[in-house]
Amino acid sequence: MTTTQMAITVLICVLGTVFTRFIPYIIFPEGRKVPAYVEYLGKVLGPAVFGILVVYCIRNTDFVTSFANGGTHGIPELASIAVTILVFRLRRQMVPAMIAGTALYMILVQVVF
């Protein structure tokens, strides 16, 4: 890829990012009521995305392979999901919950199993 092609690629990415950041302010200017379906989507899409992420993260987990054959029965994944849920319930903040779940998973996979 030439320098010109790289510059064009970066420019397109920047413009796409700026466009997607500003389009809600153009479509829904201050003082205009946001439609009910947009408010509904704002409430349900966050949890839906995290649900999809959970399914994506455990899609290849083998819950039946024995420890002797290198399996973990999904213990790191299930423990990390449980910790993520617990921290979220206690703190009501998603970032600390994700950090705690990810840290536990990494410790279990790298050190324990």
PDB file of N, CA and C in Angstrom:
ATOM      1  N   MET A   1       0.848  -1.170   0.000  1.00  0.00           N
ATOM      2  CA  MET A   1       0.000   0.000   0.000  1.00  0.00           C
ATOM      3  C   MET A   1       0.898   1.238   0.000  1.00  0.00           C
ATOM      4  N   THR A   2       0.613   2.137  -0.904  1.00  0.00           N
ATOM      5  CA  THR A   2       1.424   3.345  -1.002  1.00  0.00           C
ATOM      6  C   THR A   2       1.045   4.339   0.095  1.00  0.00           C
ATOM      7  N   THR A   3       1.880   5.353   0.246  1.00  0.00           N
ATOM      8  CA  THR A   3       1.611   6.384   1.251  1.00  0.00           C
ATOM      9  C   THR A   3       0.314   7.115   0.942  1.00  0.00           C
ATOM     10  N   THR A   4       0.060   7.372  -0.320  1.00  0.00           N
ATOM     11  CA  THR A   4      -1.180   8.047  -0.719  1.00  0.00           C
ATOM     12  C   THR A   4      -2.399   7.192  -0.373  1.00  0.00           C
ATOM     13  N   GLN A   5      -2.322   5.910  -0.655  1.00  0.00           N
ATOM     14  CA  GLN A   5      -3.429   5.014  -0.332  1.00  0.00           C
ATOM     15  C   GLN A   5      -3.660   4.947   1.180  1.00  0.00           C
ATOM     16  N   MET A   6      -2.588   4.926   1.961  1.00  0.00           N
ATOM     17  CA  MET A   6      -2.731   4.913   3.414  1.00  0.00           C
ATOM     18  C   MET A   6      -3.380   6.196   3.905  1.00  0.00           C
ATOM     19  N   ALA A   7      -2.966   7.334   3.351  1.00  0.00           N
ATOM     20  CA  ALA A   7      -3.547   8.618   3.748  1.00  0.00           C
ATOM     21  C   ALA A   7      -5.027   8.675   3.398  1.00  0.00           C
ATOM     22  N   ILE A   8      -5.392   8.181   2.234  1.00  0.00           N
ATOM     23  CA  ILE A   8      -6.808   8.159   1.826  1.00  0.00           C
ATOM     24  C   ILE A   8      -7.604   7.240   2.744  1.00  0.00           C
ATOM     25  N   THR A   9      -7.050   6.095   3.080  1.00  0.00           N
ATOM     26  CA  THR A   9      -7.729   5.163   3.984  1.00  0.00           C
ATOM     27  C   THR A   9      -7.963   5.783   5.348  1.00  0.00           C
ATOM     28  N   VAL A  10      -6.947   6.425   5.892  1.00  0.00           N
ATOM     29  CA  VAL A  10      -7.080   7.084   7.193  1.00  0.00           C
ATOM     30  C   VAL A  10      -8.120   8.201   7.113  1.00  0.00           C
ATOM     31  N   LEU A  11      -8.102   8.981   6.043  1.00  0.00           N
ATOM     32  CA  LEU A  11      -9.054  10.071   5.867  1.00  0.00           C
ATOM     33  C   LEU A  11     -10.493   9.546   5.810  1.00  0.00           C
ATOM     34  N   ILE A  12     -10.702   8.468   5.087  1.00  0.00           N
ATOM     35  CA  ILE A  12     -12.038   7.874   4.995  1.00  0.00           C
ATOM     36  C   ILE A  12     -12.492   7.382   6.368  1.00  0.00           C
ATOM     37  N   CYS A  13     -11.601   6.764   7.123  1.00  0.00           N
ATOM     38  CA  CYS A  13     -11.949   6.289   8.466  1.00  0.00           C
ATOM     39  C   CYS A  13     -12.295   7.458   9.380  1.00  0.00           C
ATOM     40  N   VAL A  14     -11.520   8.528   9.298  1.00  0.00           N
ATOM     41  CA  VAL A  14     -11.789   9.712  10.128  1.00  0.00           C
ATOM     42  C   VAL A  14     -13.132  10.315   9.764  1.00  0.00           C
ATOM     43  N   LEU A  15     -13.405  10.479   8.482  1.00  0.00           N
ATOM     44  CA  LEU A  15     -14.683  11.056   8.050  1.00  0.00           C
ATOM     45  C   LEU A  15     -15.865  10.171   8.452  1.00  0.00           C
ATOM     46  N   GLY A  16     -15.707   8.869   8.323  1.00  0.00           N
ATOM     47  CA  GLY A  16     -16.774   7.957   8.739  1.00  0.00           C
ATOM     48  C   GLY A  16     -17.045   8.041  10.221  1.00  0.00           C
ATOM     49  N   THR A  17     -15.990   8.134  11.009  1.00  0.00           N
ATOM     50  CA  THR A  17     -16.147   8.247  12.459  1.00  0.00           C
ATOM     51  C   THR A  17     -16.812   9.562  12.841  1.00  0.00           C
ATOM     52  N   VAL A  18     -16.350  10.654  12.248  1.00  0.00           N
ATOM     53  CA  VAL A  18     -16.928  11.969  12.546  1.00  0.00           C
ATOM     54  C   VAL A  18     -18.395  12.003  12.131  1.00  0.00           C
ATOM     55  N   PHE A  19     -18.704  11.462  10.963  1.00  0.00           N
ATOM     56  CA  PHE A  19     -20.081  11.438  10.475  1.00  0.00           C
ATOM     57  C   PHE A  19     -20.993  10.679  11.433  1.00  0.00           C
ATOM     58  N   THR A  20     -20.556   9.484  11.866  1.00  0.00           N
ATOM     59  CA  THR A  20     -21.414   8.700  12.760  1.00  0.00           C
ATOM     60  C   THR A  20     -21.535   9.336  14.138  1.00  0.00           C
ATOM     61  N   ARG A  21     -20.570  10.143  14.547  1.00  0.00           N
ATOM     62  CA  ARG A  21     -20.653  10.833  15.846  1.00  0.00           C
ATOM     63  C   ARG A  21     -21.608  12.013  15.789  1.00  0.00           C
ATOM     64  N   PHE A  22     -21.651  12.720  14.665  1.00  0.00           N
ATOM     65  CA  PHE A  22     -22.454  13.940  14.574  1.00  0.00           C
ATOM     66  C   PHE A  22     -23.859  13.737  14.019  1.00  0.00           C
ATOM     67  N   ILE A  23     -24.109  12.620  13.350  1.00  0.00           N
ATOM     68  CA  ILE A  23     -25.421  12.415  12.724  1.00  0.00           C
ATOM     69  C   ILE A  23     -26.577  12.445  13.728  1.00  0.00           C
ATOM     70  N   PRO A  24     -26.446  11.919  14.952  1.00  0.00           N
ATOM     71  CA  PRO A  24     -27.577  12.025  15.887  1.00  0.00           C
ATOM     72  C   PRO A  24     -27.928  13.474  16.228  1.00  0.00           C
ATOM     73  N   TYR A  25     -26.916  14.338  16.299  1.00  0.00           N
ATOM     74  CA  TYR A  25     -27.178  15.748  16.607  1.00  0.00           C
ATOM     75  C   TYR A  25     -27.843  16.457  15.430  1.00  0.00           C
ATOM     76  N   ILE A  26     -27.608  15.983  14.243  1.00  0.00           N
ATOM     77  CA  ILE A  26     -28.246  16.566  13.063  1.00  0.00           C
ATOM     78  C   ILE A  26     -29.692  16.074  12.954  1.00  0.00           C
ATOM     79  N   ILE A  27     -29.900  14.773  13.172  1.00  0.00           N
ATOM     80  CA  ILE A  27     -31.238  14.200  13.052  1.00  0.00           C
ATOM     81  C   ILE A  27     -32.141  14.645  14.201  1.00  0.00           C
ATOM     82  N   PHE A  28     -31.596  14.686  15.416  1.00  0.00           N
ATOM     83  CA  PHE A  28     -32.374  15.051  16.600  1.00  0.00           C
ATOM     84  C   PHE A  28     -31.776  16.292  17.259  1.00  0.00           C
ATOM     85  N   PRO A  29     -32.029  17.473  16.699  1.00  0.00           N
ATOM     86  CA  PRO A  29     -31.465  18.687  17.295  1.00  0.00           C
ATOM     87  C   PRO A  29     -32.064  18.966  18.667  1.00  0.00           C
ATOM     88  N   GLU A  30     -31.366  19.787  19.443  1.00  0.00           N
ATOM     89  CA  GLU A  30     -31.822  20.127  20.787  1.00  0.00           C
ATOM     90  C   GLU A  30     -33.192  20.785  20.709  1.00  0.00           C
ATOM     91  N   GLY A  31     -34.084  20.371  21.579  1.00  0.00           N
ATOM     92  CA  GLY A  31     -35.436  20.910  21.596  1.00  0.00           C
ATOM     93  C   GLY A  31     -36.441  20.042  20.854  1.00  0.00           C
ATOM     94  N   ARG A  32     -35.969  19.165  19.992  1.00  0.00           N
ATOM     95  CA  ARG A  32     -36.858  18.262  19.260  1.00  0.00           C
ATOM     96  C   ARG A  32     -37.014  16.970  20.046  1.00  0.00           C
ATOM     97  N   LYS A  33     -38.247  16.498  20.184  1.00  0.00           N
ATOM     98  CA  LYS A  33     -38.508  15.273  20.943  1.00  0.00           C
ATOM     99  C   LYS A  33     -37.986  14.062  20.181  1.00  0.00           C
ATOM    100  N   VAL A  34     -37.295  13.210  20.916  1.00  0.00           N
ATOM    101  CA  VAL A  34     -36.773  11.973  20.336  1.00  0.00           C
ATOM    102  C   VAL A  34     -37.923  10.982  20.228  1.00  0.00           C
ATOM    103  N   PRO A  35     -38.086  10.318  19.062  1.00  0.00           N
ATOM    104  CA  PRO A  35     -39.172   9.349  18.906  1.00  0.00           C
ATOM    105  C   PRO A  35     -39.084   8.214  19.932  1.00  0.00           C
ATOM    106  N   ALA A  36     -40.237   7.670  20.268  1.00  0.00           N
ATOM    107  CA  ALA A  36     -40.312   6.614  21.287  1.00  0.00           C
ATOM    108  C   ALA A  36     -39.484   5.386  20.895  1.00  0.00           C
ATOM    109  N   TYR A  37     -39.483   5.022  19.609  1.00  0.00           N
ATOM    110  CA  TYR A  37     -38.734   3.824  19.199  1.00  0.00           C
ATOM    111  C   TYR A  37     -37.233   4.028  19.340  1.00  0.00           C
ATOM    112  N   VAL A  38     -36.756   5.256  19.181  1.00  0.00           N
ATOM    113  CA  VAL A  38     -35.324   5.520  19.367  1.00  0.00           C
ATOM    114  C   VAL A  38     -34.972   5.415  20.854  1.00  0.00           C
ATOM    115  N   GLU A  39     -35.839   5.931  21.726  1.00  0.00           N
ATOM    116  CA  GLU A  39     -35.614   5.784  23.164  1.00  0.00           C
ATOM    117  C   GLU A  39     -35.642   4.317  23.571  1.00  0.00           C
ATOM    118  N   TYR A  40     -36.573   3.554  22.986  1.00  0.00           N
ATOM    119  CA  TYR A  40     -36.651   2.123  23.267  1.00  0.00           C
ATOM    120  C   TYR A  40     -35.358   1.420  22.845  1.00  0.00           C
ATOM    121  N   LEU A  41     -34.880   1.725  21.641  1.00  0.00           N
ATOM    122  CA  LEU A  41     -33.629   1.123  21.179  1.00  0.00           C
ATOM    123  C   LEU A  41     -32.465   1.488  22.082  1.00  0.00           C
ATOM    124  N   GLY A  42     -32.459   2.717  22.582  1.00  0.00           N
ATOM    125  CA  GLY A  42     -31.409   3.132  23.501  1.00  0.00           C
ATOM    126  C   GLY A  42     -31.406   2.332  24.791  1.00  0.00           C
ATOM    127  N   LYS A  43     -32.573   1.859  25.193  1.00  0.00           N
ATOM    128  CA  LYS A  43     -32.669   1.071  26.423  1.00  0.00           C
ATOM    129  C   LYS A  43     -32.308  -0.398  26.213  1.00  0.00           C
ATOM    130  N   VAL A  44     -32.653  -0.958  25.064  1.00  0.00           N
ATOM    131  CA  VAL A  44     -32.483  -2.401  24.884  1.00  0.00           C
ATOM    132  C   VAL A  44     -31.224  -2.813  24.127  1.00  0.00           C
ATOM    133  N   LEU A  45     -30.637  -1.926  23.349  1.00  0.00           N
ATOM    134  CA  LEU A  45     -29.483  -2.342  22.544  1.00  0.00           C
ATOM    135  C   LEU A  45     -28.233  -2.606  23.374  1.00  0.00           C
ATOM    136  N   GLY A  46     -28.022  -1.846  24.452  1.00  0.00           N
ATOM    137  CA  GLY A  46     -26.856  -2.087  25.300  1.00  0.00           C
ATOM    138  C   GLY A  46     -26.840  -3.498  25.876  1.00  0.00           C
ATOM    139  N   PRO A  47     -27.898  -3.890  26.593  1.00  0.00           N
ATOM    140  CA  PRO A  47     -27.935  -5.267  27.102  1.00  0.00           C
ATOM    141  C   PRO A  47     -27.906  -6.317  25.994  1.00  0.00           C
ATOM    142  N   ALA A  48     -28.515  -6.027  24.854  1.00  0.00           N
ATOM    143  CA  ALA A  48     -28.506  -6.994  23.746  1.00  0.00           C
ATOM    144  C   ALA A  48     -27.089  -7.211  23.229  1.00  0.00           C
ATOM    145  N   VAL A  49     -26.324  -6.144  23.118  1.00  0.00           N
ATOM    146  CA  VAL A  49     -24.938  -6.264  22.656  1.00  0.00           C
ATOM    147  C   VAL A  49     -24.125  -7.101  23.628  1.00  0.00           C
ATOM    148  N   PHE A  50     -24.305  -6.871  24.931  1.00  0.00           N
ATOM    149  CA  PHE A  50     -23.553  -7.661  25.904  1.00  0.00           C
ATOM    150  C   PHE A  50     -23.998  -9.118  25.890  1.00  0.00           C
ATOM    151  N   GLY A  51     -25.273  -9.364  25.649  1.00  0.00           N
ATOM    152  CA  GLY A  51     -25.735 -10.745  25.500  1.00  0.00           C
ATOM    153  C   GLY A  51     -25.077 -11.434  24.327  1.00  0.00           C
ATOM    154  N   ILE A  52     -24.971 -10.726  23.217  1.00  0.00           N
ATOM    155  CA  ILE A  52     -24.304 -11.276  22.034  1.00  0.00           C
ATOM    156  C   ILE A  52     -22.825 -11.524  22.318  1.00  0.00           C
ATOM    157  N   LEU A  53     -22.187 -10.622  23.058  1.00  0.00           N
ATOM    158  CA  LEU A  53     -20.780 -10.811  23.415  1.00  0.00           C
ATOM    159  C   LEU A  53     -20.573 -12.052  24.276  1.00  0.00           C
ATOM    160  N   VAL A  54     -21.492 -12.301  25.206  1.00  0.00           N
ATOM    161  CA  VAL A  54     -21.387 -13.502  26.045  1.00  0.00           C
ATOM    162  C   VAL A  54     -21.487 -14.751  25.178  1.00  0.00           C
ATOM    163  N   VAL A  55     -22.461 -14.779  24.283  1.00  0.00           N
ATOM    164  CA  VAL A  55     -22.608 -15.933  23.391  1.00  0.00           C
ATOM    165  C   VAL A  55     -21.369 -16.097  22.523  1.00  0.00           C
ATOM    166  N   TYR A  56     -20.838 -14.990  22.004  1.00  0.00           N
ATOM    167  CA  TYR A  56     -19.638 -15.039  21.174  1.00  0.00           C
ATOM    168  C   TYR A  56     -18.440 -15.575  21.962  1.00  0.00           C
ATOM    169  N   CYS A  57     -18.324 -15.163  23.213  1.00  0.00           N
ATOM    170  CA  CYS A  57     -17.173 -15.570  24.024  1.00  0.00           C
ATOM    171  C   CYS A  57     -17.204 -17.044  24.397  1.00  0.00           C
ATOM    172  N   ILE A  58     -18.378 -17.616  24.561  1.00  0.00           N
ATOM    173  CA  ILE A  58     -18.436 -19.025  24.978  1.00  0.00           C
ATOM    174  C   ILE A  58     -18.821 -19.962  23.837  1.00  0.00           C
ATOM    175  N   ARG A  59     -18.849 -19.471  22.613  1.00  0.00           N
ATOM    176  CA  ARG A  59     -19.286 -20.296  21.488  1.00  0.00           C
ATOM    177  C   ARG A  59     -18.394 -21.506  21.250  1.00  0.00           C
ATOM    178  N   ASN A  60     -17.116 -21.401  21.504  1.00  0.00           N
ATOM    179  CA  ASN A  60     -16.191 -22.519  21.257  1.00  0.00           C
ATOM    180  C   ASN A  60     -15.753 -23.210  22.535  1.00  0.00           C
ATOM    181  N   THR A  61     -16.425 -22.939  23.631  1.00  0.00           N
ATOM    182  CA  THR A  61     -16.052 -23.543  24.898  1.00  0.00           C
ATOM    183  C   THR A  61     -16.505 -24.995  24.929  1.00  0.00           C
ATOM    184  N   ASP A  62     -15.571 -25.867  25.295  1.00  0.00           N
ATOM    185  CA  ASP A  62     -15.874 -27.295  25.391  1.00  0.00           C
ATOM    186  C   ASP A  62     -16.178 -27.616  26.853  1.00  0.00           C
ATOM    187  N   PHE A  63     -17.430 -27.895  27.138  1.00  0.00           N
ATOM    188  CA  PHE A  63     -17.858 -28.151  28.506  1.00  0.00           C
ATOM    189  C   PHE A  63     -17.715 -29.621  28.912  1.00  0.00           C
ATOM    190  N   VAL A  64     -17.318 -30.486  27.984  1.00  0.00           N
ATOM    191  CA  VAL A  64     -17.285 -31.915  28.298  1.00  0.00           C
ATOM    192  C   VAL A  64     -15.892 -32.539  28.289  1.00  0.00           C
ATOM    193  N   THR A  65     -14.886 -31.889  27.720  1.00  0.00           N
ATOM    194  CA  THR A  65     -13.545 -32.462  27.678  1.00  0.00           C
ATOM    195  C   THR A  65     -12.959 -32.528  29.087  1.00  0.00           C
ATOM    196  N   SER A  66     -12.406 -33.674  29.433  1.00  0.00           N
ATOM    197  CA  SER A  66     -11.889 -33.859  30.792  1.00  0.00           C
ATOM    198  C   SER A  66     -10.611 -33.067  31.006  1.00  0.00           C
ATOM    199  N   PHE A  67     -10.280 -32.849  32.280  1.00  0.00           N
ATOM    200  CA  PHE A  67      -9.052 -32.137  32.634  1.00  0.00           C
ATOM    201  C   PHE A  67      -7.827 -32.874  32.124  1.00  0.00           C
ATOM    202  N   ALA A  68      -7.880 -34.201  32.113  1.00  0.00           N
ATOM    203  CA  ALA A  68      -6.739 -35.000  31.670  1.00  0.00           C
ATOM    204  C   ALA A  68      -6.437 -34.769  30.191  1.00  0.00           C
ATOM    205  N   ASN A  69      -7.461 -34.427  29.425  1.00  0.00           N
ATOM    206  CA  ASN A  69      -7.273 -34.190  27.987  1.00  0.00           C
ATOM    207  C   ASN A  69      -7.110 -32.702  27.663  1.00  0.00           C
ATOM    208  N   GLY A  70      -6.819 -31.900  28.662  1.00  0.00           N
ATOM    209  CA  GLY A  70      -6.575 -30.488  28.418  1.00  0.00           C
ATOM    210  C   GLY A  70      -7.806 -29.602  28.491  1.00  0.00           C
ATOM    211  N   GLY A  71      -8.919 -30.149  28.869  1.00  0.00           N
ATOM    212  CA  GLY A  71     -10.151 -29.364  28.959  1.00  0.00           C
ATOM    213  C   GLY A  71     -10.301 -28.690  30.312  1.00  0.00           C
ATOM    214  N   THR A  72     -11.159 -27.720  30.372  1.00  0.00           N
ATOM    215  CA  THR A  72     -11.407 -27.018  31.635  1.00  0.00           C
ATOM    216  C   THR A  72     -12.873 -27.068  32.029  1.00  0.00           C
ATOM    217  N   HIS A  73     -13.689 -27.751  31.235  1.00  0.00           N
ATOM    218  CA  HIS A  73     -15.130 -27.835  31.469  1.00  0.00           C
ATOM    219  C   HIS A  73     -15.791 -26.455  31.468  1.00  0.00           C
ATOM    220  N   GLY A  74     -15.139 -25.453  30.896  1.00  0.00           N
ATOM    221  CA  GLY A  74     -15.706 -24.114  30.832  1.00  0.00           C
ATOM    222  C   GLY A  74     -15.667 -23.357  32.149  1.00  0.00           C
ATOM    223  N   ILE A  75     -14.881 -23.841  33.101  1.00  0.00           N
ATOM    224  CA  ILE A  75     -14.823 -23.199  34.421  1.00  0.00           C
ATOM    225  C   ILE A  75     -14.321 -21.753  34.333  1.00  0.00           C
ATOM    226  N   PRO A  76     -13.242 -21.458  33.596  1.00  0.00           N
ATOM    227  CA  PRO A  76     -12.793 -20.059  33.525  1.00  0.00           C
ATOM    228  C   PRO A  76     -13.866 -19.140  32.928  1.00  0.00           C
ATOM    229  N   GLU A  77     -14.526 -19.610  31.887  1.00  0.00           N
ATOM    230  CA  GLU A  77     -15.540 -18.789  31.237  1.00  0.00           C
ATOM    231  C   GLU A  77     -16.734 -18.547  32.158  1.00  0.00           C
ATOM    232  N   LEU A  78     -17.240 -19.618  32.771  1.00  0.00           N
ATOM    233  CA  LEU A  78     -18.421 -19.486  33.632  1.00  0.00           C
ATOM    234  C   LEU A  78     -18.109 -18.682  34.895  1.00  0.00           C
ATOM    235  N   ALA A  79     -16.929 -18.872  35.467  1.00  0.00           N
ATOM    236  CA  ALA A  79     -16.545 -18.101  36.651  1.00  0.00           C
ATOM    237  C   ALA A  79     -16.410 -16.621  36.311  1.00  0.00           C
ATOM    238  N   SER A  80     -15.843 -16.328  35.162  1.00  0.00           N
ATOM    239  CA  SER A  80     -15.678 -14.934  34.747  1.00  0.00           C
ATOM    240  C   SER A  80     -17.016 -14.267  34.471  1.00  0.00           C
ATOM    241  N   ILE A  81     -17.925 -14.987  33.857  1.00  0.00           N
ATOM    242  CA  ILE A  81     -19.267 -14.448  33.627  1.00  0.00           C
ATOM    243  C   ILE A  81     -19.952 -14.179  34.962  1.00  0.00           C
ATOM    244  N   ALA A  82     -19.825 -15.108  35.905  1.00  0.00           N
ATOM    245  CA  ALA A  82     -20.439 -14.925  37.221  1.00  0.00           C
ATOM    246  C   ALA A  82     -19.864 -13.706  37.944  1.00  0.00           C
ATOM    247  N   VAL A  83     -18.548 -13.533  37.884  1.00  0.00           N
ATOM    248  CA  VAL A  83     -17.915 -12.375  38.529  1.00  0.00           C
ATOM    249  C   VAL A  83     -18.353 -11.078  37.849  1.00  0.00           C
ATOM    250  N   THR A  84     -18.449 -11.086  36.539  1.00  0.00           N
ATOM    251  CA  THR A  84     -18.905  -9.900  35.819  1.00  0.00           C
ATOM    252  C   THR A  84     -20.314  -9.516  36.256  1.00  0.00           C
ATOM    253  N   ILE A  85     -21.196 -10.493  36.344  1.00  0.00           N
ATOM    254  CA  ILE A  85     -22.571 -10.232  36.786  1.00  0.00           C
ATOM    255  C   ILE A  85     -22.590  -9.731  38.222  1.00  0.00           C
ATOM    256  N   LEU A  86     -21.812 -10.358  39.084  1.00  0.00           N
ATOM    257  CA  LEU A  86     -21.788  -9.968  40.494  1.00  0.00           C
ATOM    258  C   LEU A  86     -21.286  -8.538  40.673  1.00  0.00           C
ATOM    259  N   VAL A  87     -20.179  -8.202  40.022  1.00  0.00           N
ATOM    260  CA  VAL A  87     -19.626  -6.849  40.150  1.00  0.00           C
ATOM    261  C   VAL A  87     -20.601  -5.825  39.571  1.00  0.00           C
ATOM    262  N   PHE A  88     -21.254  -6.166  38.467  1.00  0.00           N
ATOM    263  CA  PHE A  88     -22.228  -5.231  37.897  1.00  0.00           C
ATOM    264  C   PHE A  88     -23.396  -5.021  38.849  1.00  0.00           C
ATOM    265  N   ARG A  89     -23.874  -6.088  39.468  1.00  0.00           N
ATOM    266  CA  ARG A  89     -24.992  -5.961  40.421  1.00  0.00           C
ATOM    267  C   ARG A  89     -24.603  -5.106  41.630  1.00  0.00           C
ATOM    268  N   LEU A  90     -23.358  -5.234  42.067  1.00  0.00           N
ATOM    269  CA  LEU A  90     -22.910  -4.477  43.242  1.00  0.00           C
ATOM    270  C   LEU A  90     -22.618  -3.014  42.909  1.00  0.00           C
ATOM    271  N   ARG A  91     -21.975  -2.766  41.763  1.00  0.00           N
ATOM    272  CA  ARG A  91     -21.520  -1.411  41.444  1.00  0.00           C
ATOM    273  C   ARG A  91     -22.424  -0.665  40.470  1.00  0.00           C
ATOM    274  N   ARG A  92     -23.219  -1.395  39.701  1.00  0.00           N
ATOM    275  CA  ARG A  92     -24.076  -0.807  38.666  1.00  0.00           C
ATOM    276  C   ARG A  92     -23.270  -0.018  37.628  1.00  0.00           C
ATOM    277  N   GLN A  93     -22.066  -0.490  37.360  1.00  0.00           N
ATOM    278  CA  GLN A  93     -21.206   0.118  36.350  1.00  0.00           C
ATOM    279  C   GLN A  93     -20.605  -1.007  35.517  1.00  0.00           C
ATOM    280  N   MET A  94     -20.686  -0.871  34.209  1.00  0.00           N
ATOM    281  CA  MET A  94     -20.261  -1.946  33.332  1.00  0.00           C
ATOM    282  C   MET A  94     -18.748  -2.062  33.210  1.00  0.00           C
ATOM    283  N   VAL A  95     -18.039  -0.933  33.221  1.00  0.00           N
ATOM    284  CA  VAL A  95     -16.583  -0.987  33.019  1.00  0.00           C
ATOM    285  C   VAL A  95     -15.874  -1.767  34.135  1.00  0.00           C
ATOM    286  N   PRO A  96     -16.138  -1.473  35.429  1.00  0.00           N
ATOM    287  CA  PRO A  96     -15.478  -2.292  36.464  1.00  0.00           C
ATOM    288  C   PRO A  96     -15.876  -3.767  36.380  1.00  0.00           C
ATOM    289  N   ALA A  97     -17.111  -4.029  35.989  1.00  0.00           N
ATOM    290  CA  ALA A  97     -17.550  -5.423  35.857  1.00  0.00           C
ATOM    291  C   ALA A  97     -16.780  -6.132  34.749  1.00  0.00           C
ATOM    292  N   MET A  98     -16.611  -5.474  33.627  1.00  0.00           N
ATOM    293  CA  MET A  98     -15.858  -6.089  32.518  1.00  0.00           C
ATOM    294  C   MET A  98     -14.392  -6.280  32.883  1.00  0.00           C
ATOM    295  N   ILE A  99     -13.823  -5.303  33.579  1.00  0.00           N
ATOM    296  CA  ILE A  99     -12.420  -5.424  33.990  1.00  0.00           C
ATOM    297  C   ILE A  99     -12.244  -6.596  34.950  1.00  0.00           C
ATOM    298  N   ALA A 100     -13.142  -6.723  35.919  1.00  0.00           N
ATOM    299  CA  ALA A 100     -13.047  -7.814  36.894  1.00  0.00           C
ATOM    300  C   ALA A 100     -13.205  -9.174  36.221  1.00  0.00           C
ATOM    301  N   GLY A 101     -14.192  -9.296  35.341  1.00  0.00           N
ATOM    302  CA  GLY A 101     -14.403 -10.564  34.640  1.00  0.00           C
ATOM    303  C   GLY A 101     -13.235 -10.935  33.747  1.00  0.00           C
ATOM    304  N   THR A 102     -12.717  -9.955  33.022  1.00  0.00           N
ATOM    305  CA  THR A 102     -11.583 -10.210  32.135  1.00  0.00           C
ATOM    306  C   THR A 102     -10.335 -10.576  32.931  1.00  0.00           C
ATOM    307  N   ALA A 103     -10.093  -9.857  34.026  1.00  0.00           N
ATOM    308  CA  ALA A 103      -8.919 -10.149  34.862  1.00  0.00           C
ATOM    309  C   ALA A 103      -9.005 -11.560  35.429  1.00  0.00           C
ATOM    310  N   LEU A 104     -10.170 -11.934  35.945  1.00  0.00           N
ATOM    311  CA  LEU A 104     -10.320 -13.287  36.485  1.00  0.00           C
ATOM    312  C   LEU A 104     -10.096 -14.333  35.398  1.00  0.00           C
ATOM    313  N   TYR A 105     -10.662 -14.110  34.221  1.00  0.00           N
ATOM    314  CA  TYR A 105     -10.482 -15.059  33.127  1.00  0.00           C
ATOM    315  C   TYR A 105      -9.008 -15.228  32.777  1.00  0.00           C
ATOM    316  N   MET A 106      -8.297 -14.113  32.675  1.00  0.00           N
ATOM    317  CA  MET A 106      -6.881 -14.183  32.332  1.00  0.00           C
ATOM    318  C   MET A 106      -6.076 -14.909  33.399  1.00  0.00           C
ATOM    319  N   ILE A 107      -6.390 -14.646  34.662  1.00  0.00           N
ATOM    320  CA  ILE A 107      -5.697 -15.344  35.756  1.00  0.00           C
ATOM    321  C   ILE A 107      -5.983 -16.837  35.694  1.00  0.00           C
ATOM    322  N   LEU A 108      -7.234 -17.187  35.517  1.00  0.00           N
ATOM    323  CA  LEU A 108      -7.590 -18.617  35.476  1.00  0.00           C
ATOM    324  C   LEU A 108      -6.947 -19.321  34.290  1.00  0.00           C
ATOM    325  N   VAL A 109      -6.957 -18.693  33.138  1.00  0.00           N
ATOM    326  CA  VAL A 109      -6.422 -19.348  31.931  1.00  0.00           C
ATOM    327  C   VAL A 109      -4.894 -19.399  31.957  1.00  0.00           C
ATOM    328  N   GLN A 110      -4.256 -18.316  32.410  1.00  0.00           N
ATOM    329  CA  GLN A 110      -2.796 -18.254  32.359  1.00  0.00           C
ATOM    330  C   GLN A 110      -2.108 -18.932  33.555  1.00  0.00           C
ATOM    331  N   VAL A 111      -2.737 -18.894  34.724  1.00  0.00           N
ATOM    332  CA  VAL A 111      -2.080 -19.386  35.936  1.00  0.00           C
ATOM    333  C   VAL A 111      -2.656 -20.722  36.406  1.00  0.00           C
ATOM    334  N   VAL A 112      -3.957 -20.818  36.488  1.00  0.00           N
ATOM    335  CA  VAL A 112      -4.576 -21.984  37.119  1.00  0.00           C
ATOM    336  C   VAL A 112      -4.712 -23.153  36.155  1.00  0.00           C
ATOM    337  N   PHE A 113      -5.272 -22.920  34.984  1.00  0.00           N
ATOM    338  CA  PHE A 113      -5.556 -24.035  34.063  1.00  0.00           C
ATOM    339  C   PHE A 113      -4.510 -24.151  33.002  1.00  0.00           C
TER     340      PHE A 113
END
